[in-house]
Amino acid sequence: MKKPSHYSIKGLYAVTPDVLEVDLLCEKVRLTLEGGASMVQYRNKFADKNLQLQQSTALLALCRSYDVPLIINDHLDLCAQIDADGLHIGASDCDLHAARRLLGPDKIIGASCYNWVDLAVQAESAGASYVAFGACFTSETKPDAVHAPLSIFKEAKQKVSLPLVGIGGIHIDNAKLVIEAGADALAVITDIFFDDDIRQISHRYTQLFQSTFKQT
């Protein structure tokens, strides 16, 4: 099993939907892992603390069996409690410095930077492992999210050395644009988890990364 800090942050970054049934959620995640997802983020805005603990614990065991890191969205206490592989936080969530101190140097910590490169610079200084920009396109999950132009990835690469994640409104028909703009990974919810064939759509994303990086 790799140390979290040694995982390559590249490819399809699957972010879980708000599914309450543990077995159903695990089955959906298993299918995206079979399709080649390289990271999984546990995000559930409707689960209570007990269900969050139950779901994240089950997902951690599943992700470990595929040697893929499980990242917890927002909840630093939950991440520490189950010893997940990392944490993703937004600007209004816990302090990144505090998260790094609690979780230690080997955990993955991602930071949402919206459409603000300066925030990414600050996140790198505070110990982030990757930064995320978005919404790249209109998002069904967050329809009121700020828009991040694809040019932000080129600008960010000149100012930070961290992997860059694109998020927001990404689907298989526009994903290549985000990769070509400079994103190392794509965070996707709706387009994979609500597809009729989760394994196949995840595999298509994986192939898209492979073909795009070969061309570059």
C-alpha atoms as a PDB file:
ATOM      1  CA  MET A   1       0.000   0.000   0.000  1.00  0.00           C
ATOM      2  CA  LYS A   2       1.394   3.375  -1.009  1.00  0.00           C
ATOM      3  CA  LYS A   3       1.741   6.260   1.414  1.00  0.00           C
ATOM      4  CA  PRO A   4      -0.935   8.874   0.614  1.00  0.00           C
ATOM      5  CA  SER A   5       1.668  11.501  -0.238  1.00  0.00           C
ATOM      6  CA  HIS A   6       3.119   9.184  -2.882  1.00  0.00           C
ATOM      7  CA  TYR A   7      -0.105   8.835  -4.866  1.00  0.00           C
ATOM      8  CA  SER A   8      -0.101  10.457  -8.269  1.00  0.00           C
ATOM      9  CA  ILE A   9      -2.829  13.093  -8.424  1.00  0.00           C
ATOM     10  CA  LYS A  10      -3.784  12.597 -12.034  1.00  0.00           C
ATOM     11  CA  GLY A  11      -6.762  11.266 -13.936  1.00  0.00           C
ATOM     12  CA  LEU A  12     -10.386  10.763 -12.948  1.00  0.00           C
ATOM     13  CA  TYR A  13     -11.174  12.041  -9.450  1.00  0.00           C
ATOM     14  CA  ALA A  14     -14.565  10.553  -8.566  1.00  0.00           C
ATOM     15  CA  VAL A  15     -16.623  12.582  -6.068  1.00  0.00           C
ATOM     16  CA  THR A  16     -19.457  10.641  -4.467  1.00  0.00           C
ATOM     17  CA  PRO A  17     -23.119  11.546  -4.929  1.00  0.00           C
ATOM     18  CA  ASP A  18     -25.589  12.094  -2.080  1.00  0.00           C
ATOM     19  CA  VAL A  19     -26.616   8.438  -1.825  1.00  0.00           C
ATOM     20  CA  LEU A  20     -27.820   7.327   1.597  1.00  0.00           C
ATOM     21  CA  GLU A  21     -27.725   3.539   1.146  1.00  0.00           C
ATOM     22  CA  VAL A  22     -24.252   2.276   2.093  1.00  0.00           C
ATOM     23  CA  ASP A  23     -24.283  -0.780  -0.163  1.00  0.00           C
ATOM     24  CA  LEU A  24     -25.514   1.208  -3.173  1.00  0.00           C
ATOM     25  CA  LEU A  25     -22.873   3.881  -2.657  1.00  0.00           C
ATOM     26  CA  CYS A  26     -20.120   1.276  -2.378  1.00  0.00           C
ATOM     27  CA  GLU A  27     -21.331  -0.478  -5.519  1.00  0.00           C
ATOM     28  CA  LYS A  28     -21.272   2.793  -7.486  1.00  0.00           C
ATOM     29  CA  VAL A  29     -17.773   3.572  -6.245  1.00  0.00           C
ATOM     30  CA  ARG A  30     -16.594   0.030  -6.995  1.00  0.00           C
ATOM     31  CA  LEU A  31     -17.715   0.449 -10.599  1.00  0.00           C
ATOM     32  CA  THR A  32     -15.846   3.731 -11.053  1.00  0.00           C
ATOM     33  CA  LEU A  33     -12.741   2.161  -9.529  1.00  0.00           C
ATOM     34  CA  GLU A  34     -13.025  -0.714 -11.977  1.00  0.00           C
ATOM     35  CA  GLY A  35     -13.248   1.893 -14.714  1.00  0.00           C
ATOM     36  CA  GLY A  36      -9.964   3.429 -13.640  1.00  0.00           C
ATOM     37  CA  ALA A  37     -10.750   6.251 -11.200  1.00  0.00           C
ATOM     38  CA  SER A  38      -7.467   7.259  -9.571  1.00  0.00           C
ATOM     39  CA  MET A  39      -8.925   9.096  -6.551  1.00  0.00           C
ATOM     40  CA  VAL A  40     -12.229   9.073  -4.681  1.00  0.00           C
ATOM     41  CA  GLN A  41     -13.648  11.870  -2.580  1.00  0.00           C
ATOM     42  CA  TYR A  42     -16.365  11.084  -0.042  1.00  0.00           C
ATOM     43  CA  ARG A  43     -18.883  13.913  -0.114  1.00  0.00           C
ATOM     44  CA  ASN A  44     -22.415  13.568   1.230  1.00  0.00           C
ATOM     45  CA  LYS A  45     -24.317  16.697   2.211  1.00  0.00           C
ATOM     46  CA  PHE A  46     -27.382  14.819   3.484  1.00  0.00           C
ATOM     47  CA  ALA A  47     -25.867  12.119   5.697  1.00  0.00           C
ATOM     48  CA  ASP A  48     -25.755  12.574   9.467  1.00  0.00           C
ATOM     49  CA  LYS A  49     -22.559  11.927  11.408  1.00  0.00           C
ATOM     50  CA  ASN A  50     -23.304   8.278  12.066  1.00  0.00           C
ATOM     51  CA  LEU A  51     -24.019   7.589   8.407  1.00  0.00           C
ATOM     52  CA  GLN A  52     -20.962   9.565   7.332  1.00  0.00           C
ATOM     53  CA  LEU A  53     -18.838   7.384   9.587  1.00  0.00           C
ATOM     54  CA  GLN A  54     -20.431   4.192   8.288  1.00  0.00           C
ATOM     55  CA  GLN A  55     -20.140   5.181   4.617  1.00  0.00           C
ATOM     56  CA  SER A  56     -16.628   6.570   4.786  1.00  0.00           C
ATOM     57  CA  THR A  57     -15.336   3.529   6.684  1.00  0.00           C
ATOM     58  CA  ALA A  58     -16.805   1.188   4.075  1.00  0.00           C
ATOM     59  CA  LEU A  59     -15.441   3.293   1.220  1.00  0.00           C
ATOM     60  CA  LEU A  60     -11.984   3.439   2.769  1.00  0.00           C
ATOM     61  CA  ALA A  61     -11.785  -0.359   2.862  1.00  0.00           C
ATOM     62  CA  LEU A  62     -13.005  -0.507  -0.737  1.00  0.00           C
ATOM     63  CA  CYS A  63     -10.540   2.103  -1.984  1.00  0.00           C
ATOM     64  CA  ARG A  64      -7.675   0.418  -0.153  1.00  0.00           C
ATOM     65  CA  SER A  65      -8.471  -2.822  -1.981  1.00  0.00           C
ATOM     66  CA  TYR A  66      -7.906  -0.944  -5.263  1.00  0.00           C
ATOM     67  CA  ASP A  67      -4.876   0.966  -3.929  1.00  0.00           C
ATOM     68  CA  VAL A  68      -6.686   4.263  -4.543  1.00  0.00           C
ATOM     69  CA  PRO A  69      -6.771   7.102  -1.985  1.00  0.00           C
ATOM     70  CA  LEU A  70     -10.003   8.126  -0.257  1.00  0.00           C
ATOM     71  CA  ILE A  71     -10.301  11.852   0.387  1.00  0.00           C
ATOM     72  CA  ILE A  72     -12.859  13.228   2.852  1.00  0.00           C
ATOM     73  CA  ASN A  73     -14.712  16.405   1.889  1.00  0.00           C
ATOM     74  CA  ASP A  74     -14.742  19.136   4.555  1.00  0.00           C
ATOM     75  CA  HIS A  75     -14.795  17.002   7.718  1.00  0.00           C
ATOM     76  CA  LEU A  76     -11.353  17.098   9.318  1.00  0.00           C
ATOM     77  CA  ASP A  77     -12.563  15.187  12.378  1.00  0.00           C
ATOM     78  CA  LEU A  78     -13.938  12.359  10.245  1.00  0.00           C
ATOM     79  CA  CYS A  79     -10.757  12.185   8.193  1.00  0.00           C
ATOM     80  CA  ALA A  80      -8.672  11.835  11.345  1.00  0.00           C
ATOM     81  CA  GLN A  81     -11.103   9.399  12.969  1.00  0.00           C
ATOM     82  CA  ILE A  82     -11.012   6.808  10.184  1.00  0.00           C
ATOM     83  CA  ASP A  83      -7.419   7.573   9.129  1.00  0.00           C
ATOM     84  CA  ALA A  84      -8.501   8.390   5.571  1.00  0.00           C
ATOM     85  CA  ASP A  85      -5.882   9.206   2.974  1.00  0.00           C
ATOM     86  CA  GLY A  86      -6.662  12.889   2.833  1.00  0.00           C
ATOM     87  CA  LEU A  87      -8.989  15.855   3.136  1.00  0.00           C
ATOM     88  CA  HIS A  88     -10.488  18.358   0.711  1.00  0.00           C
ATOM     89  CA  ILE A  89     -11.467  21.766   2.040  1.00  0.00           C
ATOM     90  CA  GLY A  90     -13.043  24.941   0.731  1.00  0.00           C
ATOM     91  CA  ALA A  91     -12.313  28.523   1.689  1.00  0.00           C
ATOM     92  CA  SER A  92     -14.988  28.520   4.416  1.00  0.00           C
ATOM     93  CA  ASP A  93     -14.006  25.147   5.893  1.00  0.00           C
ATOM     94  CA  CYS A  94     -11.276  24.394   8.411  1.00  0.00           C
ATOM     95  CA  ASP A  95      -7.927  26.190   8.342  1.00  0.00           C
ATOM     96  CA  LEU A  96      -5.438  24.474   6.052  1.00  0.00           C
ATOM     97  CA  HIS A  97      -2.512  25.037   8.427  1.00  0.00           C
ATOM     98  CA  ALA A  98      -4.503  23.401  11.246  1.00  0.00           C
ATOM     99  CA  ALA A  99      -5.486  20.488   9.020  1.00  0.00           C
ATOM    100  CA  ARG A 100      -1.876  19.863   8.038  1.00  0.00           C
ATOM    101  CA  ARG A 101      -0.735  19.983  11.664  1.00  0.00           C
ATOM    102  CA  LEU A 102      -3.385  17.474  12.731  1.00  0.00           C
ATOM    103  CA  LEU A 103      -3.114  15.083   9.802  1.00  0.00           C
ATOM    104  CA  GLY A 104       0.669  15.175   9.474  1.00  0.00           C
ATOM    105  CA  PRO A 105       2.945  15.473   6.454  1.00  0.00           C
ATOM    106  CA  ASP A 106       1.930  12.314   4.589  1.00  0.00           C
ATOM    107  CA  LYS A 107      -1.792  12.958   4.090  1.00  0.00           C
ATOM    108  CA  ILE A 108      -3.233  14.462   0.908  1.00  0.00           C
ATOM    109  CA  ILE A 109      -4.864  17.852   1.442  1.00  0.00           C
ATOM    110  CA  GLY A 110      -6.702  19.517  -1.412  1.00  0.00           C
ATOM    111  CA  ALA A 111      -7.979  23.086  -1.475  1.00  0.00           C
ATOM    112  CA  SER A 112     -10.767  24.619  -3.531  1.00  0.00           C
ATOM    113  CA  CYS A 113      -9.467  27.828  -5.072  1.00  0.00           C
ATOM    114  CA  TYR A 114     -12.483  28.672  -7.253  1.00  0.00           C
ATOM    115  CA  ASN A 115     -11.243  31.220  -9.829  1.00  0.00           C
ATOM    116  CA  TRP A 116      -8.511  32.747  -7.713  1.00  0.00           C
ATOM    117  CA  VAL A 117      -4.876  31.858  -8.448  1.00  0.00           C
ATOM    118  CA  ASP A 118      -3.633  33.860  -5.458  1.00  0.00           C
ATOM    119  CA  LEU A 119      -5.630  31.525  -3.217  1.00  0.00           C
ATOM    120  CA  ALA A 120      -3.770  28.601  -4.787  1.00  0.00           C
ATOM    121  CA  VAL A 121      -0.449  30.290  -4.010  1.00  0.00           C
ATOM    122  CA  GLN A 122      -1.545  30.668  -0.388  1.00  0.00           C
ATOM    123  CA  ALA A 123      -2.722  27.062  -0.263  1.00  0.00           C
ATOM    124  CA  GLU A 124       0.622  25.795  -1.498  1.00  0.00           C
ATOM    125  CA  SER A 125       2.398  27.809   1.189  1.00  0.00           C
ATOM    126  CA  ALA A 126       0.058  26.370   3.821  1.00  0.00           C
ATOM    127  CA  GLY A 127       0.868  22.784   2.849  1.00  0.00           C
ATOM    128  CA  ALA A 128      -1.748  21.795   0.268  1.00  0.00           C
ATOM    129  CA  SER A 129      -1.103  18.722  -1.883  1.00  0.00           C
ATOM    130  CA  TYR A 130      -3.244  19.909  -4.786  1.00  0.00           C
ATOM    131  CA  VAL A 131      -5.530  22.814  -5.676  1.00  0.00           C
ATOM    132  CA  ALA A 132      -8.869  22.732  -7.492  1.00  0.00           C
ATOM    133  CA  PHE A 133     -10.348  25.353  -9.800  1.00  0.00           C
ATOM    134  CA  GLY A 134     -13.969  25.642 -10.879  1.00  0.00           C
ATOM    135  CA  ALA A 135     -16.665  25.657 -11.829  1.00  0.00           C
ATOM    136  CA  CYS A 136     -15.162  25.083 -15.250  1.00  0.00           C
ATOM    137  CA  PHE A 137     -18.673  24.851 -16.713  1.00  0.00           C
ATOM    138  CA  THR A 138     -22.208  25.243 -15.377  1.00  0.00           C
ATOM    139  CA  SER A 139     -22.532  22.707 -12.556  1.00  0.00           C
ATOM    140  CA  GLU A 140     -25.681  20.715 -11.780  1.00  0.00           C
ATOM    141  CA  THR A 141     -24.370  20.081  -8.270  1.00  0.00           C
ATOM    142  CA  LYS A 142     -23.577  23.765  -7.615  1.00  0.00           C
ATOM    143  CA  PRO A 143     -25.487  25.843 -10.191  1.00  0.00           C
ATOM    144  CA  ASP A 144     -24.540  29.123  -8.467  1.00  0.00           C
ATOM    145  CA  ALA A 145     -20.805  28.351  -8.294  1.00  0.00           C
ATOM    146  CA  VAL A 146     -18.385  30.976  -9.559  1.00  0.00           C
ATOM    147  CA  HIS A 147     -17.041  30.399 -13.060  1.00  0.00           C
ATOM    148  CA  ALA A 148     -13.353  29.636 -13.555  1.00  0.00           C
ATOM    149  CA  PRO A 149     -12.121  30.177 -17.136  1.00  0.00           C
ATOM    150  CA  LEU A 150      -9.994  27.384 -18.539  1.00  0.00           C
ATOM    151  CA  SER A 151      -7.139  29.859 -18.948  1.00  0.00           C
ATOM    152  CA  ILE A 152      -6.735  29.749 -15.164  1.00  0.00           C
ATOM    153  CA  PHE A 153      -4.871  26.440 -15.405  1.00  0.00           C
ATOM    154  CA  LYS A 154      -2.107  27.908 -17.555  1.00  0.00           C
ATOM    155  CA  GLU A 155      -1.852  30.904 -15.233  1.00  0.00           C
ATOM    156  CA  ALA A 156      -1.745  28.678 -12.153  1.00  0.00           C
ATOM    157  CA  LYS A 157       1.025  26.489 -13.581  1.00  0.00           C
ATOM    158  CA  GLN A 158       3.226  29.571 -13.743  1.00  0.00           C
ATOM    159  CA  LYS A 159       2.697  30.327 -10.048  1.00  0.00           C
ATOM    160  CA  VAL A 160       2.282  27.007  -8.217  1.00  0.00           C
ATOM    161  CA  SER A 161       3.974  23.631  -8.537  1.00  0.00           C
ATOM    162  CA  LEU A 162       1.052  21.558  -7.231  1.00  0.00           C
ATOM    163  CA  PRO A 163      -1.212  19.286  -9.288  1.00  0.00           C
ATOM    164  CA  LEU A 164      -4.274  21.133 -10.598  1.00  0.00           C
ATOM    165  CA  VAL A 165      -7.793  19.701 -10.446  1.00  0.00           C
ATOM    166  CA  GLY A 166     -10.692  20.893 -12.592  1.00  0.00           C
ATOM    167  CA  ILE A 167     -14.208  20.692 -11.194  1.00  0.00           C
ATOM    168  CA  GLY A 168     -17.712  21.814 -12.042  1.00  0.00           C
ATOM    169  CA  GLY A 169     -19.930  20.854 -14.946  1.00  0.00           C
ATOM    170  CA  ILE A 170     -17.397  18.468 -16.421  1.00  0.00           C
ATOM    171  CA  HIS A 171     -18.724  15.718 -18.670  1.00  0.00           C
ATOM    172  CA  ILE A 172     -17.188  13.384 -21.181  1.00  0.00           C
ATOM    173  CA  ASP A 173     -17.764  15.757 -24.104  1.00  0.00           C
ATOM    174  CA  ASN A 174     -15.942  18.740 -22.560  1.00  0.00           C
ATOM    175  CA  ALA A 175     -13.412  16.925 -20.377  1.00  0.00           C
ATOM    176  CA  LYS A 176     -10.679  16.989 -23.007  1.00  0.00           C
ATOM    177  CA  LEU A 177     -10.831  20.800 -23.084  1.00  0.00           C
ATOM    178  CA  VAL A 178     -10.023  20.935 -19.369  1.00  0.00           C
ATOM    179  CA  ILE A 179      -7.191  18.433 -19.675  1.00  0.00           C
ATOM    180  CA  GLU A 180      -5.694  20.302 -22.618  1.00  0.00           C
ATOM    181  CA  ALA A 181      -5.985  23.548 -20.643  1.00  0.00           C
ATOM    182  CA  GLY A 182      -3.636  22.074 -18.031  1.00  0.00           C
ATOM    183  CA  ALA A 183      -5.713  20.178 -15.476  1.00  0.00           C
ATOM    184  CA  ASP A 184      -3.945  17.126 -14.053  1.00  0.00           C
ATOM    185  CA  ALA A 185      -7.150  15.590 -12.722  1.00  0.00           C
ATOM    186  CA  LEU A 186     -10.885  16.052 -13.211  1.00  0.00           C
ATOM    187  CA  ALA A 187     -13.322  15.921 -10.293  1.00  0.00           C
ATOM    188  CA  VAL A 188     -16.629  14.521 -11.536  1.00  0.00           C
ATOM    189  CA  ILE A 189     -19.880  13.586  -9.813  1.00  0.00           C
ATOM    190  CA  THR A 190     -22.980  13.605 -11.998  1.00  0.00           C
ATOM    191  CA  ASP A 191     -21.543  12.482 -15.322  1.00  0.00           C
ATOM    192  CA  ILE A 192     -20.157   9.258 -13.891  1.00  0.00           C
ATOM    193  CA  PHE A 193     -22.404   8.326 -10.981  1.00  0.00           C
ATOM    194  CA  PHE A 194     -25.686   8.946 -12.776  1.00  0.00           C
ATOM    195  CA  ASP A 195     -24.645   7.240 -15.995  1.00  0.00           C
ATOM    196  CA  ASP A 196     -26.272   3.936 -16.904  1.00  0.00           C
ATOM    197  CA  ASP A 197     -22.836   2.304 -17.083  1.00  0.00           C
ATOM    198  CA  ILE A 198     -20.541   3.760 -14.406  1.00  0.00           C
ATOM    199  CA  ARG A 199     -17.676   1.420 -15.225  1.00  0.00           C
ATOM    200  CA  GLN A 200     -17.733   2.259 -18.917  1.00  0.00           C
ATOM    201  CA  ILE A 201     -18.005   6.051 -18.532  1.00  0.00           C
ATOM    202  CA  SER A 202     -15.168   5.982 -15.987  1.00  0.00           C
ATOM    203  CA  HIS A 203     -13.076   3.970 -18.420  1.00  0.00           C
ATOM    204  CA  ARG A 204     -13.764   6.549 -21.126  1.00  0.00           C
ATOM    205  CA  TYR A 205     -12.399   9.279 -18.844  1.00  0.00           C
ATOM    206  CA  THR A 206      -9.344   7.179 -18.121  1.00  0.00           C
ATOM    207  CA  GLN A 207      -8.736   6.622 -21.821  1.00  0.00           C
ATOM    208  CA  LEU A 208      -9.216  10.332 -22.479  1.00  0.00           C
ATOM    209  CA  PHE A 209      -6.416  11.152 -20.054  1.00  0.00           C
ATOM    210  CA  GLN A 210      -4.142   8.538 -21.578  1.00  0.00           C
ATOM    211  CA  SER A 211      -4.696   9.727 -25.142  1.00  0.00           C
ATOM    212  CA  THR A 212      -4.407  13.427 -24.275  1.00  0.00           C
ATOM    213  CA  PHE A 213      -1.163  13.026 -22.319  1.00  0.00           C
ATOM    214  CA  LYS A 214       0.312  10.899 -25.134  1.00  0.00           C
ATOM    215  CA  GLN A 215      -0.374  13.733 -27.582  1.00  0.00           C
ATOM    216  CA  THR A 216       1.279  16.263 -25.300  1.00  0.00           C
END
